């Protein structure tokens, strides 16, 4: 199993776990109540980015998926800072988009 395959499993598992952990995340007294969950979702995409950049084989696929992972984390933050779609909707959509690109890279035409 390649590194990218393991990270794809991580991304698809961590998103629902973060959503389920919302009741036990710390409550903030300043700012918005979604900040802890947003930070968890943001880091759930930054971690694959960092791993792929530092432990990947340097191929175009690994670099592309690292850039996509960073873009996904920034999309979650930018969405809540501007448009304001709920994390219940935006985080799974971003995750499914990431997984779709992964599947196209993994099993698509070479």
Foldseek 3Di string as FASTA:
>chain_A
DDPLVVLLVLLVPQLVVLVVCLVVFDADPDDDRCVRSLVSLLVNLQVLLVCLVPPNPPDPVSNVLSVLSNVLSVVSVVCCVPVNDDCVPSSVVSSVVSSVVVCCVVPNDD
